[in-house]
C-alpha atoms as a PDB file:
ATOM      1  CA  MET A   1      89.715  22.430  80.997  1.00  0.00           C
ATOM      2  CA  ILE A   2      87.152  22.315  83.808  1.00  0.00           C
ATOM      3  CA  ALA A   3      86.844  26.127  83.864  1.00  0.00           C
ATOM      4  CA  LEU A   4      86.097  26.114  80.127  1.00  0.00           C
ATOM      5  CA  SER A   5      83.477  23.386  80.604  1.00  0.00           C
ATOM      6  CA  VAL A   6      81.785  25.343  83.394  1.00  0.00           C
ATOM      7  CA  ASN A   7      81.827  28.583  81.393  1.00  0.00           C
ATOM      8  CA  ARG A   8      80.286  26.964  78.310  1.00  0.00           C
ATOM      9  CA  SER A   9      77.626  25.241  80.424  1.00  0.00           C
ATOM     10  CA  TRP A  10      76.594  28.544  82.039  1.00  0.00           C
ATOM     11  CA  GLN A  11      76.425  30.211  78.633  1.00  0.00           C
ATOM     12  CA  GLN A  12      74.096  27.511  77.338  1.00  0.00           C
ATOM     13  CA  LEU A  13      71.825  27.473  80.392  1.00  0.00           C
ATOM     14  CA  LEU A  14      68.991  29.254  78.541  1.00  0.00           C
ATOM     15  CA  HIS A  15      69.084  26.815  75.621  1.00  0.00           C
ATOM     16  CA  PRO A  16      65.521  25.565  74.821  1.00  0.00           C
ATOM     17  CA  LYS A  17      66.396  21.943  75.689  1.00  0.00           C
ATOM     18  CA  PHE A  18      67.971  22.983  78.973  1.00  0.00           C
ATOM     19  CA  ARG A  19      64.892  25.054  79.789  1.00  0.00           C
ATOM     20  CA  SER A  20      62.567  22.205  78.812  1.00  0.00           C
ATOM     21  CA  VAL A  21      64.349  19.706  81.086  1.00  0.00           C
ATOM     22  CA  PHE A  22      64.384  22.193  83.970  1.00  0.00           C
ATOM     23  CA  LEU A  23      60.662  23.003  83.688  1.00  0.00           C
ATOM     24  CA  THR A  24      59.747  19.321  83.337  1.00  0.00           C
ATOM     25  CA  ALA A  25      61.681  18.444  86.489  1.00  0.00           C
ATOM     26  CA  ILE A  26      60.179  21.339  88.462  1.00  0.00           C
ATOM     27  CA  ALA A  27      56.661  20.405  87.322  1.00  0.00           C
ATOM     28  CA  ALA A  28      57.200  16.741  88.295  1.00  0.00           C
ATOM     29  CA  ALA A  29      58.522  17.717  91.729  1.00  0.00           C
ATOM     30  CA  ALA A  30      55.675  20.193  92.309  1.00  0.00           C
ATOM     31  CA  ALA A  31      53.049  17.629  91.241  1.00  0.00           C
ATOM     32  CA  THR A  32      54.576  15.055  93.604  1.00  0.00           C
ATOM     33  CA  LEU A  33      54.490  17.469  96.535  1.00  0.00           C
ATOM     34  CA  VAL A  34      50.896  18.508  95.765  1.00  0.00           C
ATOM     35  CA  LEU A  35      49.909  14.820  95.747  1.00  0.00           C
ATOM     36  CA  LEU A  36      51.775  14.262  99.021  1.00  0.00           C
ATOM     37  CA  THR A  37      49.981  17.243 100.610  1.00  0.00           C
ATOM     38  CA  PHE A  38      46.613  15.933  99.396  1.00  0.00           C
ATOM     39  CA  VAL A  39      47.245  12.440 100.829  1.00  0.00           C
ATOM     40  CA  LEU A  40      48.494  13.840 104.143  1.00  0.00           C
ATOM     41  CA  ASN A  41      45.472  16.105 104.382  1.00  0.00           C
ATOM     42  CA  ALA A  42      43.130  13.135 103.831  1.00  0.00           C
ATOM     43  CA  TYR A  43      44.629  11.087 106.674  1.00  0.00           C
ATOM     44  CA  TRP A  44      45.965  13.736 109.073  1.00  0.00           C
ATOM     45  CA  PRO A  45      43.972  14.028 112.325  1.00  0.00           C
ATOM     46  CA  GLU A  46      41.863  17.178 112.650  1.00  0.00           C
ATOM     47  CA  VAL A  47      42.561  17.358 116.382  1.00  0.00           C
ATOM     48  CA  ILE A  48      45.428  15.967 118.469  1.00  0.00           C
ATOM     49  CA  VAL A  49      44.165  14.492 121.745  1.00  0.00           C
ATOM     50  CA  PHE A  50      46.472  13.799 124.704  1.00  0.00           C
ATOM     51  CA  GLU A  51      45.381  10.961 126.986  1.00  0.00           C
ATOM     52  CA  SER A  52      48.059  11.545 129.607  1.00  0.00           C
ATOM     53  CA  GLU A  53      47.106  13.806 132.513  1.00  0.00           C
ATOM     54  CA  TRP A  54      50.506  15.473 132.225  1.00  0.00           C
ATOM     55  CA  PHE A  55      49.587  16.872 128.790  1.00  0.00           C
ATOM     56  CA  SER A  56      45.793  17.079 129.038  1.00  0.00           C
ATOM     57  CA  TRP A  57      45.981  20.867 129.238  1.00  0.00           C
ATOM     58  CA  LEU A  58      47.182  20.832 125.606  1.00  0.00           C
ATOM     59  CA  ASN A  59      43.835  19.426 124.464  1.00  0.00           C
ATOM     60  CA  ASP A  60      42.479  22.983 124.426  1.00  0.00           C
ATOM     61  CA  ILE A  61      44.788  23.758 121.533  1.00  0.00           C
ATOM     62  CA  GLY A  62      44.677  20.288 119.952  1.00  0.00           C
ATOM     63  CA  GLU A  63      43.321  21.605 116.658  1.00  0.00           C
ATOM     64  CA  GLY A  64      46.066  24.202 116.387  1.00  0.00           C
ATOM     65  CA  LEU A  65      48.723  21.581 117.149  1.00  0.00           C
ATOM     66  CA  ALA A  66      47.308  19.313 114.444  1.00  0.00           C
ATOM     67  CA  ASP A  67      47.464  22.119 111.881  1.00  0.00           C
ATOM     68  CA  ALA A  68      50.981  23.089 112.940  1.00  0.00           C
ATOM     69  CA  GLY A  69      52.154  19.479 112.748  1.00  0.00           C
ATOM     70  CA  PHE A  70      50.602  19.057 109.296  1.00  0.00           C
ATOM     71  CA  TRP A  71      52.338  22.105 107.828  1.00  0.00           C
ATOM     72  CA  ALA A  72      55.619  21.210 109.550  1.00  0.00           C
ATOM     73  CA  VAL A  73      55.567  17.785 107.858  1.00  0.00           C
ATOM     74  CA  VAL A  74      54.650  19.359 104.488  1.00  0.00           C
ATOM     75  CA  PHE A  75      57.496  21.883 104.808  1.00  0.00           C
ATOM     76  CA  ALA A  76      60.038  19.231 105.838  1.00  0.00           C
ATOM     77  CA  ALA A  77      58.956  16.920 103.011  1.00  0.00           C
ATOM     78  CA  SER A  78      59.217  19.771 100.519  1.00  0.00           C
ATOM     79  CA  TYR A  79      62.732  20.660 101.671  1.00  0.00           C
ATOM     80  CA  LEU A  80      63.974  17.063 101.683  1.00  0.00           C
ATOM     81  CA  LEU A  81      62.158  15.618  98.657  1.00  0.00           C
ATOM     82  CA  PHE A  82      62.121  18.483  96.166  1.00  0.00           C
ATOM     83  CA  PRO A  83      65.853  18.410  95.255  1.00  0.00           C
ATOM     84  CA  GLY A  84      65.805  14.597  95.168  1.00  0.00           C
ATOM     85  CA  ILE A  85      62.841  14.423  92.806  1.00  0.00           C
ATOM     86  CA  VAL A  86      64.289  17.144  90.583  1.00  0.00           C
ATOM     87  CA  THR A  87      67.602  15.272  90.486  1.00  0.00           C
ATOM     88  CA  MET A  88      65.977  11.993  89.491  1.00  0.00           C
ATOM     89  CA  VAL A  89      63.821  13.561  86.738  1.00  0.00           C
ATOM     90  CA  MET A  90      66.772  15.537  85.366  1.00  0.00           C
ATOM     91  CA  GLY A  91      68.869  12.383  85.478  1.00  0.00           C
ATOM     92  CA  ILE A  92      66.288  10.628  83.324  1.00  0.00           C
ATOM     93  CA  LEU A  93      66.403  13.563  80.881  1.00  0.00           C
ATOM     94  CA  ALA A  94      70.201  14.029  81.021  1.00  0.00           C
ATOM     95  CA  ASP A  95      70.487  12.601  77.510  1.00  0.00           C
ATOM     96  CA  GLN A  96      68.696  15.703  76.177  1.00  0.00           C
ATOM     97  CA  ILE A  97      71.267  17.943  77.860  1.00  0.00           C
ATOM     98  CA  ALA A  98      74.157  15.940  76.402  1.00  0.00           C
ATOM     99  CA  THR A  99      72.547  16.101  72.950  1.00  0.00           C
ATOM    100  CA  ALA A 100      72.111  19.891  73.181  1.00  0.00           C
ATOM    101  CA  VAL A 101      75.763  20.350  74.188  1.00  0.00           C
ATOM    102  CA  GLU A 102      77.024  18.087  71.404  1.00  0.00           C
ATOM    103  CA  ASP A 103      74.817  19.765  68.798  1.00  0.00           C
ATOM    104  CA  GLU A 104      76.249  23.143  69.791  1.00  0.00           C
ATOM    105  CA  TYR A 105      79.923  22.358  70.359  1.00  0.00           C
ATOM    106  CA  TYR A 106      80.703  18.861  69.012  1.00  0.00           C
ATOM    107  CA  PRO A 107      78.476  18.306  65.962  1.00  0.00           C
ATOM    108  CA  ASN A 108      80.951  15.859  64.402  1.00  0.00           C
ATOM    109  CA  ARG A 109      81.252  13.708  67.529  1.00  0.00           C
ATOM    110  CA  ARG A 110      77.670  13.199  68.654  1.00  0.00           C
ATOM    111  CA  GLY A 111      76.808  10.150  70.703  1.00  0.00           C
ATOM    112  CA  THR A 112      74.953   7.739  68.424  1.00  0.00           C
ATOM    113  CA  ARG A 113      74.541   4.727  70.691  1.00  0.00           C
ATOM    114  CA  LYS A 114      70.891   4.265  71.667  1.00  0.00           C
ATOM    115  CA  VAL A 115      70.429   3.733  75.399  1.00  0.00           C
ATOM    116  CA  PRO A 116      67.197   1.914  76.388  1.00  0.00           C
ATOM    117  CA  VAL A 117      64.784   4.123  78.348  1.00  0.00           C
ATOM    118  CA  ARG A 118      64.600   1.450  81.054  1.00  0.00           C
ATOM    119  CA  ASP A 119      68.371   1.671  81.600  1.00  0.00           C
ATOM    120  CA  VAL A 120      68.197   5.467  81.858  1.00  0.00           C
ATOM    121  CA  VAL A 121      65.359   5.359  84.406  1.00  0.00           C
ATOM    122  CA  VAL A 122      67.088   2.645  86.460  1.00  0.00           C
ATOM    123  CA  SER A 123      70.380   4.593  86.424  1.00  0.00           C
ATOM    124  CA  ALA A 124      68.715   7.841  87.575  1.00  0.00           C
ATOM    125  CA  ALA A 125      66.715   6.078  90.297  1.00  0.00           C
ATOM    126  CA  LYS A 126      69.823   4.178  91.423  1.00  0.00           C
ATOM    127  CA  LEU A 127      71.803   7.407  91.784  1.00  0.00           C
ATOM    128  CA  THR A 128      69.032   9.105  93.794  1.00  0.00           C
ATOM    129  CA  LEU A 129      68.594   6.118  96.127  1.00  0.00           C
ATOM    130  CA  LYS A 130      72.356   5.744  96.583  1.00  0.00           C
ATOM    131  CA  MET A 131      72.681   9.399  97.534  1.00  0.00           C
ATOM    132  CA  ILE A 132      69.822   9.174 100.039  1.00  0.00           C
ATOM    133  CA  PHE A 133      71.042   5.889 101.588  1.00  0.00           C
ATOM    134  CA  ILE A 134      74.747   6.749 101.847  1.00  0.00           C
ATOM    135  CA  ASN A 135      74.073  10.229 103.201  1.00  0.00           C
ATOM    136  CA  LEU A 136      71.768   8.742 105.831  1.00  0.00           C
ATOM    137  CA  LEU A 137      74.586   6.381 106.849  1.00  0.00           C
ATOM    138  CA  ALA A 138      76.910   9.375 107.079  1.00  0.00           C
ATOM    139  CA  VAL A 139      74.622  11.416 109.365  1.00  0.00           C
ATOM    140  CA  LEU A 140      76.686  10.607 112.487  1.00  0.00           C
ATOM    141  CA  PRO A 141      80.063  11.437 110.855  1.00  0.00           C
ATOM    142  CA  TYR A 142      78.511  14.643 109.476  1.00  0.00           C
ATOM    143  CA  PHE A 143      77.329  15.584 112.971  1.00  0.00           C
ATOM    144  CA  LEU A 144      80.658  14.796 114.646  1.00  0.00           C
ATOM    145  CA  LEU A 145      82.659  16.667 112.019  1.00  0.00           C
ATOM    146  CA  TRP A 146      80.295  19.619 112.258  1.00  0.00           C
ATOM    147  CA  LEU A 147      80.682  19.579 116.039  1.00  0.00           C
ATOM    148  CA  PHE A 148      84.489  19.349 116.097  1.00  0.00           C
ATOM    149  CA  THR A 149      85.369  21.421 113.022  1.00  0.00           C
ATOM    150  CA  LEU A 150      82.461  23.908 113.237  1.00  0.00           C
ATOM    151  CA  GLY A 151      81.337  23.053 109.702  1.00  0.00           C
ATOM    152  CA  PRO A 152      84.192  22.713 107.171  1.00  0.00           C
ATOM    153  CA  GLY A 153      84.864  19.045 107.955  1.00  0.00           C
ATOM    154  CA  ALA A 154      81.235  18.052 107.449  1.00  0.00           C
ATOM    155  CA  LEU A 155      81.043  20.031 104.200  1.00  0.00           C
ATOM    156  CA  ALA A 156      84.252  18.417 102.943  1.00  0.00           C
ATOM    157  CA  LEU A 157      82.920  14.922 103.711  1.00  0.00           C
ATOM    158  CA  PHE A 158      79.609  15.722 101.991  1.00  0.00           C
ATOM    159  CA  ILE A 159      81.418  16.936  98.868  1.00  0.00           C
ATOM    160  CA  ALA A 160      83.776  13.927  98.874  1.00  0.00           C
ATOM    161  CA  ILE A 161      81.012  11.321  99.214  1.00  0.00           C
ATOM    162  CA  ASN A 162      78.563  12.888  96.809  1.00  0.00           C
ATOM    163  CA  GLY A 163      81.289  14.050  94.425  1.00  0.00           C
ATOM    164  CA  TYR A 164      82.357  10.441  93.921  1.00  0.00           C
ATOM    165  CA  LEU A 165      78.776   9.244  93.378  1.00  0.00           C
ATOM    166  CA  LEU A 166      77.754  12.090  91.070  1.00  0.00           C
ATOM    167  CA  GLY A 167      80.973  12.049  89.049  1.00  0.00           C
ATOM    168  CA  ARG A 168      80.771   8.303  88.477  1.00  0.00           C
ATOM    169  CA  GLU A 169      77.105   8.222  87.493  1.00  0.00           C
ATOM    170  CA  TYR A 170      77.106  11.339  85.317  1.00  0.00           C
ATOM    171  CA  PHE A 171      80.236  10.255  83.453  1.00  0.00           C
ATOM    172  CA  GLU A 172      78.544   6.944  82.680  1.00  0.00           C
ATOM    173  CA  MET A 173      75.300   8.690  81.653  1.00  0.00           C
ATOM    174  CA  VAL A 174      77.173  10.763  79.080  1.00  0.00           C
ATOM    175  CA  ALA A 175      79.843   8.317  77.903  1.00  0.00           C
ATOM    176  CA  ILE A 176      77.444   5.393  77.477  1.00  0.00           C
ATOM    177  CA  ARG A 177      75.989   7.267  74.498  1.00  0.00           C
ATOM    178  CA  HIS A 178      79.321   6.542  72.787  1.00  0.00           C
ATOM    179  CA  ALA A 179      80.367   3.075  73.969  1.00  0.00           C
ATOM    180  CA  HIS A 180      79.483  -0.213  75.667  1.00  0.00           C
ATOM    181  CA  PRO A 181      79.282  -0.063  79.506  1.00  0.00           C
ATOM    182  CA  ARG A 182      82.478  -2.124  79.922  1.00  0.00           C
ATOM    183  CA  THR A 183      84.457   0.380  77.848  1.00  0.00           C
ATOM    184  CA  VAL A 184      82.856   3.283  79.703  1.00  0.00           C
ATOM    185  CA  ASN A 185      83.836   1.782  83.059  1.00  0.00           C
ATOM    186  CA  ALA A 186      87.468   1.385  81.938  1.00  0.00           C
ATOM    187  CA  LEU A 187      87.564   4.986  80.712  1.00  0.00           C
ATOM    188  CA  ARG A 188      86.042   6.264  83.954  1.00  0.00           C
ATOM    189  CA  ILE A 189      88.850   4.586  85.903  1.00  0.00           C
ATOM    190  CA  THR A 190      91.453   6.039  83.531  1.00  0.00           C
ATOM    191  CA  HIS A 191      90.131   9.587  83.997  1.00  0.00           C
ATOM    192  CA  GLY A 192      89.027   9.069  87.607  1.00  0.00           C
ATOM    193  CA  SER A 193      90.553  12.223  89.133  1.00  0.00           C
ATOM    194  CA  LYS A 194      88.963  14.611  86.619  1.00  0.00           C
ATOM    195  CA  VAL A 195      85.631  12.787  86.860  1.00  0.00           C
ATOM    196  CA  PHE A 196      85.756  13.210  90.639  1.00  0.00           C
ATOM    197  CA  VAL A 197      86.507  16.946  90.367  1.00  0.00           C
ATOM    198  CA  VAL A 198      83.410  17.485  88.208  1.00  0.00           C
ATOM    199  CA  GLY A 199      81.342  15.394  90.647  1.00  0.00           C
ATOM    200  CA  ALA A 200      82.689  17.412  93.591  1.00  0.00           C
ATOM    201  CA  LEU A 201      81.711  20.620  91.814  1.00  0.00           C
ATOM    202  CA  MET A 202      78.171  19.271  91.428  1.00  0.00           C
ATOM    203  CA  ALA A 203      78.080  18.248  95.097  1.00  0.00           C
ATOM    204  CA  ALA A 204      79.147  21.768  96.097  1.00  0.00           C
ATOM    205  CA  LEU A 205      76.336  23.219  93.975  1.00  0.00           C
ATOM    206  CA  PHE A 206      73.873  20.995  95.864  1.00  0.00           C
ATOM    207  CA  LEU A 207      74.763  22.924  99.032  1.00  0.00           C
ATOM    208  CA  VAL A 208      73.695  26.275  97.549  1.00  0.00           C
ATOM    209  CA  PRO A 209      69.952  27.159  97.568  1.00  0.00           C
ATOM    210  CA  PHE A 210      68.419  27.444  94.068  1.00  0.00           C
ATOM    211  CA  LEU A 211      71.691  26.280  92.480  1.00  0.00           C
ATOM    212  CA  ASN A 212      70.973  22.842  93.960  1.00  0.00           C
ATOM    213  CA  ILE A 213      68.031  22.623  91.552  1.00  0.00           C
ATOM    214  CA  LEU A 214      70.217  23.605  88.602  1.00  0.00           C
ATOM    215  CA  ALA A 215      73.054  21.278  89.676  1.00  0.00           C
ATOM    216  CA  PRO A 216      71.896  18.195  87.691  1.00  0.00           C
ATOM    217  CA  ILE A 217      71.546  20.207  84.461  1.00  0.00           C
ATOM    218  CA  LEU A 218      74.898  21.952  84.910  1.00  0.00           C
ATOM    219  CA  GLY A 219      76.488  18.649  85.927  1.00  0.00           C
ATOM    220  CA  ALA A 220      75.268  16.846  82.805  1.00  0.00           C
ATOM    221  CA  ALA A 221      76.433  19.720  80.589  1.00  0.00           C
ATOM    222  CA  ILE A 222      79.855  20.074  82.265  1.00  0.00           C
ATOM    223  CA  MET A 223      80.420  16.318  82.146  1.00  0.00           C
ATOM    224  CA  THR A 224      79.537  16.244  78.430  1.00  0.00           C
ATOM    225  CA  HIS A 225      82.179  18.890  77.776  1.00  0.00           C
ATOM    226  CA  MET A 226      84.694  16.975  79.908  1.00  0.00           C
ATOM    227  CA  VAL A 227      84.027  13.718  78.060  1.00  0.00           C
ATOM    228  CA  HIS A 228      84.818  15.419  74.768  1.00  0.00           C
ATOM    229  CA  GLN A 229      87.754  17.505  76.015  1.00  0.00           C
ATOM    230  CA  LEU A 230      89.333  14.376  77.483  1.00  0.00           C
ATOM    231  CA  GLY A 231      89.079  12.867  74.010  1.00  0.00           C
ATOM    232  CA  VAL A 232      86.859  10.014  75.167  1.00  0.00           C
ATOM    233  CA  PRO A 233      85.010   9.642  71.814  1.00  0.00           C
ATOM    234  CA  ASP A 234      88.372   9.452  69.995  1.00  0.00           C
ATOM    235  CA  GLU A 235      89.695   6.957  72.541  1.00  0.00           C
ATOM    236  CA  ILE A 236      86.548   4.880  72.093  1.00  0.00           C
ATOM    237  CA  ALA A 237      87.046   4.961  68.321  1.00  0.00           C
ATOM    238  CA  ARG A 238      90.659   3.770  68.710  1.00  0.00           C
ATOM    239  CA  ARG A 239      89.662   0.954  71.021  1.00  0.00           C
ATOM    240  CA  GLY A 240      86.952  -0.057  68.569  1.00  0.00           C
ATOM    241  CA  ALA A 241      89.490  -0.078  65.755  1.00  0.00           C
ATOM    242  CA  GLU A 242      91.879  -2.150  67.845  1.00  0.00           C
ATOM    243  CA  ASN A 243      89.185  -4.710  68.602  1.00  0.00           C
END
């Protein structure tokens, strides 16, 4: 089931809506980083001056140190912020990915429930902030596991933490197009193990350069397939009939 979802998502990667979401997210991230560079350049010191006698000899290269520090901050910000911004923008546009998948593979079971734009934006921002905050809290465990297991333990913890977060949020993003949030939450619990596996797959993609940018698009597409292959729309219809 999951292999079929992944295969279909890869095949549809060049779909116009997929491409549109990807380019929009990249443009938003690039614009943000250009703005950040401009602001840093406006306030960054032209020369670094050391008052201490111990480091006064560095004043001769103060201008070079200032330039090096500026570009180091720009590079670090680009590495840390770019995937996060792309993820948030793609999360906001995940509905377009789900629509493209349903139009192609599930035309008779499209999601018809309108989700307010505010809810979509809040959900995407919440996911991004949760990932940043929880991963910051896990920095020490990551370090200790990396130290004592030489890598695999830290990677496993990263995939477990982020797999849970991504699976939960992306399932809700897709399924909420079909049902009320309370019903979606009950269905997520029912299918929790499969939802986690898809989330873990997304988390693993986040570890791979370039694929980490595609991860939100592939995640939304794979989760849309999973929602339908698990029969969630049919289950929602039955619950609606029962109520």
